[in-house]
């Protein structure tokens, strides 16, 4: 999971680097050739895009740095942690729900993704199969029993998507 995320982010970095170093300088040069820069919308658009790309590259590099600091040995193999896919059963209603714990700054969230910093993520973090997570809501406390757990260690590549 981490390797695939690193690869995806690396590909985006490469694409943006190419845009920053090749595409945008060409666009800026062409816009400069058009003349008066004060009223040149192509020039202003290219500069704004350049600023956006630089900011995005900074975010991606910071995220890649954080990812490289993660030690998979520190993520428990038998409890809910980063990358875990968890099936819980609501003790009051008996309904089952599936959650996938992801980073808080994940680029793309699917419907079942929850961040580890969210209330549900914090309630589930560190729980093992059979344990009850207490999710405090404004009007009540939900009791969620962990009935199935696939951790980042035991997952096949398709299990955690």
N, C-alpha and C. Protein backbone atom coordinates (compact mmCIF):
# COMPACT_ATOMS: atom_id res chain seq x y z
N UNK A 1 0.82 -1.19 0.00
CA UNK A 1 0.00 0.00 0.00
C UNK A 1 0.87 1.26 0.00
N UNK A 2 1.85 1.30 0.89
CA UNK A 2 2.71 2.48 0.96
C UNK A 2 3.52 2.64 -0.31
N UNK A 3 4.01 1.51 -0.84
CA UNK A 3 4.81 1.58 -2.07
C UNK A 3 3.98 2.09 -3.24
N UNK A 4 2.72 1.64 -3.33
CA UNK A 4 1.86 2.10 -4.42
C UNK A 4 1.57 3.59 -4.28
N UNK A 5 1.34 4.04 -3.05
CA UNK A 5 1.08 5.46 -2.81
C UNK A 5 2.32 6.29 -3.15
N UNK A 6 3.50 5.81 -2.74
CA UNK A 6 4.74 6.52 -3.06
C UNK A 6 4.94 6.60 -4.57
N UNK A 7 4.65 5.49 -5.26
CA UNK A 7 4.80 5.48 -6.72
C UNK A 7 3.84 6.47 -7.38
N UNK A 8 2.61 6.48 -6.93
CA UNK A 8 1.60 7.39 -7.49
C UNK A 8 2.01 8.85 -7.28
N UNK A 9 2.46 9.16 -6.07
CA UNK A 9 2.90 10.53 -5.78
C UNK A 9 4.15 10.88 -6.58
N UNK A 10 5.06 9.92 -6.72
CA UNK A 10 6.28 10.14 -7.51
C UNK A 10 5.96 10.44 -8.96
N UNK A 11 4.97 9.73 -9.50
CA UNK A 11 4.57 9.98 -10.89
C UNK A 11 3.99 11.38 -11.05
N UNK A 12 3.20 11.81 -10.05
CA UNK A 12 2.64 13.16 -10.12
C UNK A 12 3.76 14.20 -10.01
N UNK A 13 4.77 13.94 -9.17
CA UNK A 13 5.90 14.86 -9.04
C UNK A 13 6.62 14.98 -10.38
N UNK A 14 6.87 13.85 -11.03
CA UNK A 14 7.54 13.88 -12.33
C UNK A 14 6.75 14.68 -13.36
N UNK A 15 5.46 14.46 -13.40
CA UNK A 15 4.59 15.17 -14.35
C UNK A 15 4.62 16.68 -14.09
N UNK A 16 4.52 17.06 -12.82
CA UNK A 16 4.54 18.49 -12.48
C UNK A 16 5.91 19.11 -12.72
N UNK A 17 6.98 18.35 -12.46
CA UNK A 17 8.33 18.84 -12.73
C UNK A 17 8.49 19.15 -14.22
N UNK A 18 7.98 18.26 -15.05
CA UNK A 18 8.04 18.48 -16.50
C UNK A 18 7.26 19.74 -16.88
N UNK A 19 6.09 19.87 -16.31
CA UNK A 19 5.28 21.06 -16.60
C UNK A 19 6.00 22.33 -16.15
N UNK A 20 6.59 22.29 -14.96
CA UNK A 20 7.27 23.46 -14.41
C UNK A 20 8.52 23.82 -15.19
N UNK A 21 9.26 22.81 -15.64
CA UNK A 21 10.54 23.06 -16.29
C UNK A 21 10.48 23.15 -17.81
N UNK A 22 9.43 22.62 -18.43
CA UNK A 22 9.36 22.60 -19.89
C UNK A 22 8.13 23.34 -20.41
N UNK A 23 6.97 22.89 -20.02
CA UNK A 23 5.72 23.42 -20.58
C UNK A 23 5.50 24.89 -20.22
N UNK A 24 5.55 25.20 -18.93
CA UNK A 24 5.25 26.57 -18.50
C UNK A 24 6.28 27.59 -19.00
N UNK A 25 7.57 27.31 -19.00
CA UNK A 25 8.51 28.29 -19.58
C UNK A 25 8.21 28.58 -21.05
N UNK A 26 7.79 27.55 -21.79
CA UNK A 26 7.43 27.78 -23.20
C UNK A 26 6.21 28.67 -23.31
N UNK A 27 5.21 28.42 -22.45
CA UNK A 27 4.01 29.26 -22.47
C UNK A 27 4.33 30.70 -22.08
N UNK A 28 5.17 30.87 -21.09
CA UNK A 28 5.55 32.22 -20.65
C UNK A 28 6.32 32.93 -21.76
N UNK A 29 7.25 32.22 -22.41
CA UNK A 29 8.02 32.81 -23.50
C UNK A 29 7.09 33.26 -24.63
N UNK A 30 6.13 32.42 -25.01
CA UNK A 30 5.19 32.77 -26.07
C UNK A 30 4.35 33.98 -25.67
N UNK A 31 3.93 34.03 -24.41
CA UNK A 31 3.13 35.16 -23.94
C UNK A 31 3.94 36.45 -23.94
N UNK A 32 5.23 36.36 -23.58
CA UNK A 32 6.09 37.55 -23.59
C UNK A 32 6.24 38.08 -25.01
N UNK A 33 6.31 37.17 -25.98
CA UNK A 33 6.46 37.57 -27.38
C UNK A 33 5.22 38.32 -27.89
N UNK A 34 4.08 38.14 -27.22
CA UNK A 34 2.86 38.83 -27.65
C UNK A 34 2.88 40.32 -27.33
N UNK A 35 3.75 40.73 -26.43
CA UNK A 35 3.86 42.16 -26.19
C UNK A 35 3.54 42.56 -24.76
N UNK A 36 2.76 43.62 -24.61
CA UNK A 36 2.47 44.27 -23.33
C UNK A 36 2.04 43.25 -22.27
N UNK A 37 2.85 43.09 -21.24
CA UNK A 37 2.58 42.08 -20.22
C UNK A 37 1.53 42.52 -19.21
N UNK A 38 1.28 43.81 -19.11
CA UNK A 38 0.27 44.29 -18.14
C UNK A 38 -1.13 43.84 -18.52
N UNK A 39 -1.41 43.68 -19.78
CA UNK A 39 -2.75 43.29 -20.23
C UNK A 39 -2.72 41.95 -20.96
N UNK A 40 -1.77 41.12 -20.63
CA UNK A 40 -1.58 39.85 -21.31
C UNK A 40 -2.13 38.73 -20.43
N UNK A 41 -3.34 38.26 -20.73
CA UNK A 41 -3.98 37.23 -19.90
C UNK A 41 -3.25 35.89 -19.98
N UNK A 42 -2.66 35.58 -21.14
CA UNK A 42 -1.93 34.32 -21.27
C UNK A 42 -0.72 34.31 -20.33
N UNK A 43 -0.04 35.44 -20.24
CA UNK A 43 1.11 35.57 -19.37
C UNK A 43 0.70 35.42 -17.90
N UNK A 44 -0.38 36.11 -17.52
CA UNK A 44 -0.85 36.03 -16.13
C UNK A 44 -1.31 34.62 -15.79
N UNK A 45 -1.99 33.96 -16.70
CA UNK A 45 -2.45 32.59 -16.47
C UNK A 45 -1.28 31.64 -16.31
N UNK A 46 -0.25 31.80 -17.12
CA UNK A 46 0.93 30.94 -17.04
C UNK A 46 1.66 31.15 -15.72
N UNK A 47 1.77 32.40 -15.27
CA UNK A 47 2.42 32.68 -13.99
C UNK A 47 1.62 32.10 -12.83
N UNK A 48 0.30 32.23 -12.89
CA UNK A 48 -0.55 31.67 -11.83
C UNK A 48 -0.42 30.14 -11.79
N UNK A 49 -0.40 29.51 -12.96
CA UNK A 49 -0.23 28.06 -13.02
C UNK A 49 1.13 27.66 -12.47
N UNK A 50 2.15 28.46 -12.78
CA UNK A 50 3.49 28.18 -12.29
C UNK A 50 3.52 28.21 -10.75
N UNK A 51 2.86 29.18 -10.16
CA UNK A 51 2.79 29.27 -8.71
C UNK A 51 2.04 28.08 -8.11
N UNK A 52 0.96 27.69 -8.76
CA UNK A 52 0.19 26.54 -8.29
C UNK A 52 1.04 25.27 -8.35
N UNK A 53 1.73 25.05 -9.45
CA UNK A 53 2.55 23.85 -9.62
C UNK A 53 3.67 23.82 -8.58
N UNK A 54 4.29 24.96 -8.32
CA UNK A 54 5.34 25.00 -7.31
C UNK A 54 4.78 24.65 -5.92
N UNK A 55 3.61 25.17 -5.60
CA UNK A 55 2.99 24.88 -4.30
C UNK A 55 2.63 23.39 -4.20
N UNK A 56 2.06 22.86 -5.27
CA UNK A 56 1.68 21.44 -5.28
C UNK A 56 2.90 20.54 -5.15
N UNK A 57 3.98 20.89 -5.82
CA UNK A 57 5.22 20.11 -5.70
C UNK A 57 5.72 20.12 -4.25
N UNK A 58 5.62 21.25 -3.59
CA UNK A 58 6.01 21.33 -2.19
C UNK A 58 5.18 20.40 -1.32
N UNK A 59 3.87 20.37 -1.55
CA UNK A 59 2.98 19.48 -0.79
C UNK A 59 3.34 18.02 -1.04
N UNK A 60 3.55 17.67 -2.30
CA UNK A 60 3.86 16.28 -2.64
C UNK A 60 5.18 15.84 -2.04
N UNK A 61 6.17 16.70 -2.08
CA UNK A 61 7.47 16.35 -1.51
C UNK A 61 7.38 16.16 0.00
N UNK A 62 6.59 17.01 0.65
CA UNK A 62 6.40 16.89 2.09
C UNK A 62 5.69 15.57 2.41
N UNK A 63 4.70 15.23 1.63
CA UNK A 63 3.96 13.98 1.84
C UNK A 63 4.86 12.77 1.61
N UNK A 64 5.67 12.81 0.56
CA UNK A 64 6.61 11.71 0.30
C UNK A 64 7.62 11.58 1.44
N UNK A 65 8.03 12.68 1.99
CA UNK A 65 8.95 12.66 3.12
C UNK A 65 8.30 11.99 4.33
N UNK A 66 7.04 12.33 4.61
CA UNK A 66 6.32 11.71 5.72
C UNK A 66 6.16 10.20 5.49
N UNK A 67 5.85 9.83 4.25
CA UNK A 67 5.67 8.41 3.93
C UNK A 67 6.95 7.62 4.11
N UNK A 68 8.07 8.22 3.78
CA UNK A 68 9.34 7.51 3.90
C UNK A 68 9.74 7.32 5.36
N UNK A 69 9.15 8.09 6.26
CA UNK A 69 9.47 7.97 7.68
C UNK A 69 8.65 6.89 8.38
N UNK A 70 7.64 6.35 7.70
CA UNK A 70 6.78 5.33 8.32
C UNK A 70 7.52 4.00 8.35
N UNK A 71 7.54 3.42 9.52
CA UNK A 71 8.16 2.10 9.71
C UNK A 71 7.03 1.09 9.87
N UNK A 72 6.89 0.20 8.91
CA UNK A 72 5.82 -0.80 8.96
C UNK A 72 5.92 -1.69 10.19
N UNK A 73 7.10 -1.82 10.75
CA UNK A 73 7.28 -2.65 11.94
C UNK A 73 6.57 -2.05 13.15
N UNK A 74 6.34 -0.74 13.11
CA UNK A 74 5.66 -0.07 14.22
C UNK A 74 4.14 -0.15 14.12
N UNK A 75 3.62 -0.59 12.98
CA UNK A 75 2.18 -0.73 12.81
C UNK A 75 1.81 -2.14 13.27
N UNK A 76 0.89 -2.27 14.24
CA UNK A 76 0.57 -3.60 14.76
C UNK A 76 -0.04 -4.51 13.69
N UNK A 77 0.31 -5.78 13.75
CA UNK A 77 -0.18 -6.75 12.77
C UNK A 77 -1.51 -7.36 13.17
N UNK A 78 -1.93 -7.17 14.44
CA UNK A 78 -3.16 -7.80 14.91
C UNK A 78 -4.17 -6.80 15.45
N UNK A 79 -3.90 -5.51 15.26
CA UNK A 79 -4.81 -4.47 15.74
C UNK A 79 -5.01 -3.43 14.65
N UNK A 80 -6.06 -2.66 14.79
CA UNK A 80 -6.38 -1.62 13.81
C UNK A 80 -5.29 -0.56 13.82
N UNK A 81 -4.79 -0.25 12.64
CA UNK A 81 -3.76 0.77 12.49
C UNK A 81 -3.83 1.34 11.08
N UNK A 82 -2.83 2.10 10.71
CA UNK A 82 -2.76 2.71 9.39
C UNK A 82 -2.92 1.64 8.31
N UNK A 83 -3.82 1.88 7.39
CA UNK A 83 -4.03 0.98 6.26
C UNK A 83 -4.96 -0.18 6.53
N UNK A 84 -5.45 -0.29 7.75
CA UNK A 84 -6.33 -1.41 8.08
C UNK A 84 -7.71 -1.26 7.44
N UNK A 85 -8.25 -2.40 7.05
CA UNK A 85 -9.64 -2.45 6.60
C UNK A 85 -10.39 -3.18 7.70
N UNK A 86 -11.39 -2.53 8.27
CA UNK A 86 -12.07 -3.02 9.46
C UNK A 86 -13.56 -3.19 9.19
N UNK A 87 -14.08 -4.34 9.58
CA UNK A 87 -15.53 -4.57 9.54
C UNK A 87 -16.00 -4.53 10.98
N UNK A 88 -16.96 -3.65 11.26
CA UNK A 88 -17.50 -3.52 12.62
C UNK A 88 -18.99 -3.82 12.60
N UNK A 89 -19.47 -4.25 13.77
CA UNK A 89 -20.91 -4.51 13.93
C UNK A 89 -21.41 -3.59 15.02
N UNK A 90 -22.42 -2.80 14.69
CA UNK A 90 -23.04 -1.90 15.66
C UNK A 90 -23.78 -2.76 16.68
N UNK A 91 -23.46 -2.62 17.95
CA UNK A 91 -24.07 -3.44 19.00
C UNK A 91 -25.57 -3.16 19.16
N UNK A 92 -26.00 -1.94 18.87
CA UNK A 92 -27.42 -1.60 19.04
C UNK A 92 -28.28 -2.08 17.87
N UNK A 93 -27.79 -1.93 16.66
CA UNK A 93 -28.61 -2.25 15.49
C UNK A 93 -28.24 -3.57 14.82
N UNK A 94 -27.04 -4.05 15.06
CA UNK A 94 -26.58 -5.28 14.43
C UNK A 94 -26.09 -5.10 13.01
N UNK A 95 -26.07 -3.87 12.52
CA UNK A 95 -25.62 -3.63 11.15
C UNK A 95 -24.09 -3.65 11.10
N UNK A 96 -23.58 -4.11 9.95
CA UNK A 96 -22.13 -4.16 9.75
C UNK A 96 -21.72 -3.02 8.85
N UNK A 97 -20.57 -2.44 9.16
CA UNK A 97 -20.00 -1.35 8.39
C UNK A 97 -18.53 -1.65 8.17
N UNK A 98 -18.01 -1.21 7.02
CA UNK A 98 -16.60 -1.43 6.70
C UNK A 98 -15.91 -0.08 6.60
N UNK A 99 -14.74 0.01 7.21
CA UNK A 99 -13.94 1.23 7.16
C UNK A 99 -12.52 0.90 6.77
N UNK A 100 -11.87 1.84 6.11
CA UNK A 100 -10.48 1.71 5.70
C UNK A 100 -9.75 2.93 6.27
N UNK A 101 -8.80 2.71 7.17
CA UNK A 101 -8.08 3.81 7.81
C UNK A 101 -6.96 4.33 6.92
N UNK A 102 -6.99 5.62 6.65
CA UNK A 102 -6.01 6.26 5.78
C UNK A 102 -5.43 7.48 6.48
N UNK A 103 -4.41 8.08 5.85
CA UNK A 103 -3.82 9.31 6.36
C UNK A 103 -4.83 10.44 6.32
N UNK A 104 -4.64 11.41 7.19
CA UNK A 104 -5.52 12.56 7.21
C UNK A 104 -5.36 13.45 6.00
N UNK A 105 -4.21 13.38 5.35
CA UNK A 105 -3.97 14.23 4.19
C UNK A 105 -4.01 13.41 2.89
N UNK A 106 -4.76 12.32 2.92
CA UNK A 106 -4.87 11.48 1.72
C UNK A 106 -5.38 12.31 0.55
N UNK A 107 -4.89 12.00 -0.62
CA UNK A 107 -5.26 12.76 -1.81
C UNK A 107 -6.65 12.42 -2.31
N UNK A 108 -6.99 11.16 -2.23
CA UNK A 108 -8.28 10.71 -2.73
C UNK A 108 -8.96 9.88 -1.67
N UNK A 109 -10.18 10.25 -1.33
CA UNK A 109 -10.95 9.49 -0.38
C UNK A 109 -12.03 8.73 -1.10
N UNK A 110 -12.16 7.44 -0.78
CA UNK A 110 -13.29 6.67 -1.25
C UNK A 110 -14.37 6.79 -0.19
N UNK A 111 -15.53 6.23 -0.49
CA UNK A 111 -16.66 6.33 0.42
C UNK A 111 -16.37 5.73 1.79
N UNK A 112 -15.63 4.65 1.85
CA UNK A 112 -15.40 3.94 3.10
C UNK A 112 -14.13 4.37 3.82
N UNK A 113 -13.39 5.30 3.27
CA UNK A 113 -12.15 5.75 3.89
C UNK A 113 -12.44 6.69 5.06
N UNK A 114 -11.73 6.46 6.15
CA UNK A 114 -11.79 7.38 7.29
C UNK A 114 -10.35 7.67 7.69
N UNK A 115 -10.12 8.86 8.16
CA UNK A 115 -8.77 9.20 8.60
C UNK A 115 -8.56 8.68 10.01
N UNK A 116 -7.30 8.48 10.34
CA UNK A 116 -6.98 8.00 11.68
C UNK A 116 -7.27 9.07 12.73
N UNK A 117 -7.35 10.33 12.32
CA UNK A 117 -7.61 11.42 13.25
C UNK A 117 -9.11 11.71 13.41
N UNK A 118 -9.95 11.09 12.59
CA UNK A 118 -11.39 11.31 12.68
C UNK A 118 -11.93 10.61 13.93
N UNK A 119 -13.12 10.97 14.39
CA UNK A 119 -13.68 10.30 15.58
C UNK A 119 -13.77 8.78 15.42
N UNK A 120 -14.23 8.30 14.27
CA UNK A 120 -14.33 6.86 14.07
C UNK A 120 -12.94 6.23 14.01
N UNK A 121 -12.00 6.91 13.36
CA UNK A 121 -10.63 6.41 13.29
C UNK A 121 -9.99 6.31 14.66
N UNK A 122 -10.16 7.34 15.47
CA UNK A 122 -9.59 7.33 16.83
C UNK A 122 -10.22 6.24 17.68
N UNK A 123 -11.53 6.02 17.51
CA UNK A 123 -12.22 4.99 18.29
C UNK A 123 -11.73 3.59 17.92
N UNK A 124 -11.45 3.37 16.64
CA UNK A 124 -11.05 2.05 16.17
C UNK A 124 -9.56 1.76 16.36
N UNK A 125 -8.75 2.79 16.37
CA UNK A 125 -7.30 2.63 16.42
C UNK A 125 -6.87 1.78 17.62
N UNK A 126 -6.10 0.74 17.35
CA UNK A 126 -5.58 -0.11 18.42
C UNK A 126 -6.51 -1.23 18.85
N UNK A 127 -7.68 -1.35 18.27
CA UNK A 127 -8.62 -2.41 18.64
C UNK A 127 -8.31 -3.68 17.86
N UNK A 128 -8.56 -4.82 18.49
CA UNK A 128 -8.38 -6.12 17.86
C UNK A 128 -9.75 -6.74 17.61
N UNK A 129 -9.76 -7.82 16.84
CA UNK A 129 -11.02 -8.52 16.57
C UNK A 129 -11.64 -8.95 17.90
N UNK A 130 -12.93 -8.66 18.04
CA UNK A 130 -13.67 -9.01 19.26
C UNK A 130 -13.77 -7.86 20.24
N UNK A 131 -12.94 -6.85 20.10
CA UNK A 131 -12.99 -5.71 21.02
C UNK A 131 -14.08 -4.73 20.61
N UNK A 132 -14.53 -3.95 21.56
CA UNK A 132 -15.58 -2.95 21.33
C UNK A 132 -14.95 -1.56 21.28
N UNK A 133 -15.27 -0.83 20.22
CA UNK A 133 -14.84 0.57 20.10
C UNK A 133 -16.03 1.44 20.50
N UNK A 134 -15.78 2.43 21.32
CA UNK A 134 -16.83 3.35 21.75
C UNK A 134 -16.69 4.65 20.97
N UNK A 135 -17.65 4.90 20.11
CA UNK A 135 -17.66 6.10 19.28
C UNK A 135 -18.60 7.12 19.91
N UNK A 136 -18.03 8.18 20.44
CA UNK A 136 -18.83 9.20 21.13
C UNK A 136 -19.39 10.18 20.11
N UNK A 137 -20.71 10.23 20.05
CA UNK A 137 -21.43 11.15 19.17
C UNK A 137 -22.11 12.19 20.05
N UNK A 138 -22.56 13.30 19.46
CA UNK A 138 -23.20 14.33 20.28
C UNK A 138 -24.43 13.83 21.06
N UNK A 139 -25.18 12.90 20.48
CA UNK A 139 -26.42 12.48 21.14
C UNK A 139 -26.33 11.13 21.84
N UNK A 140 -25.29 10.35 21.51
CA UNK A 140 -25.19 9.02 22.12
C UNK A 140 -23.78 8.47 21.90
N UNK A 141 -23.54 7.29 22.45
CA UNK A 141 -22.28 6.59 22.25
C UNK A 141 -22.59 5.31 21.49
N UNK A 142 -21.97 5.16 20.32
CA UNK A 142 -22.13 3.93 19.54
C UNK A 142 -21.09 2.93 19.99
N UNK A 143 -21.52 1.69 20.16
CA UNK A 143 -20.59 0.61 20.49
C UNK A 143 -20.42 -0.25 19.25
N UNK A 144 -19.19 -0.28 18.74
CA UNK A 144 -18.88 -1.00 17.51
C UNK A 144 -17.92 -2.14 17.82
N UNK A 145 -18.36 -3.37 17.54
CA UNK A 145 -17.50 -4.53 17.76
C UNK A 145 -16.71 -4.80 16.49
N UNK A 146 -15.41 -4.94 16.63
CA UNK A 146 -14.55 -5.28 15.50
C UNK A 146 -14.77 -6.77 15.20
N UNK A 147 -15.34 -7.07 14.02
CA UNK A 147 -15.62 -8.47 13.68
C UNK A 147 -14.66 -9.02 12.63
N UNK A 148 -14.02 -8.14 11.87
CA UNK A 148 -13.06 -8.59 10.87
C UNK A 148 -12.00 -7.52 10.70
N UNK A 149 -10.76 -7.96 10.50
CA UNK A 149 -9.66 -7.01 10.38
C UNK A 149 -8.65 -7.51 9.37
N UNK A 150 -8.36 -6.66 8.41
CA UNK A 150 -7.28 -6.92 7.45
C UNK A 150 -6.29 -5.78 7.65
N UNK A 151 -5.09 -6.11 8.11
CA UNK A 151 -4.10 -5.07 8.35
C UNK A 151 -3.23 -4.88 7.12
N UNK A 152 -2.43 -3.85 7.16
CA UNK A 152 -1.52 -3.54 6.07
C UNK A 152 -0.52 -4.68 5.86
N UNK A 153 -0.28 -5.47 6.90
CA UNK A 153 0.68 -6.57 6.84
C UNK A 153 0.10 -7.81 6.15
N UNK A 154 -1.19 -8.07 6.36
CA UNK A 154 -1.80 -9.30 5.87
C UNK A 154 -2.59 -9.12 4.59
N UNK A 155 -2.68 -7.92 4.11
CA UNK A 155 -3.54 -7.62 2.96
C UNK A 155 -2.89 -7.97 1.64
N UNK A 156 -3.71 -8.48 0.77
CA UNK A 156 -3.32 -8.59 -0.64
C UNK A 156 -3.49 -7.19 -1.22
N UNK A 157 -2.81 -6.86 -2.33
CA UNK A 157 -2.91 -5.49 -2.88
C UNK A 157 -4.34 -5.01 -3.11
N UNK A 158 -5.26 -5.90 -3.48
CA UNK A 158 -6.63 -5.49 -3.76
C UNK A 158 -7.49 -5.40 -2.51
N UNK A 159 -7.04 -5.98 -1.38
CA UNK A 159 -7.86 -5.99 -0.16
C UNK A 159 -8.08 -4.61 0.41
N UNK A 160 -7.12 -3.74 0.28
CA UNK A 160 -7.19 -2.45 0.97
C UNK A 160 -7.62 -1.31 0.06
N UNK A 161 -8.09 -1.62 -1.12
CA UNK A 161 -8.54 -0.55 -2.00
C UNK A 161 -10.03 -0.38 -1.91
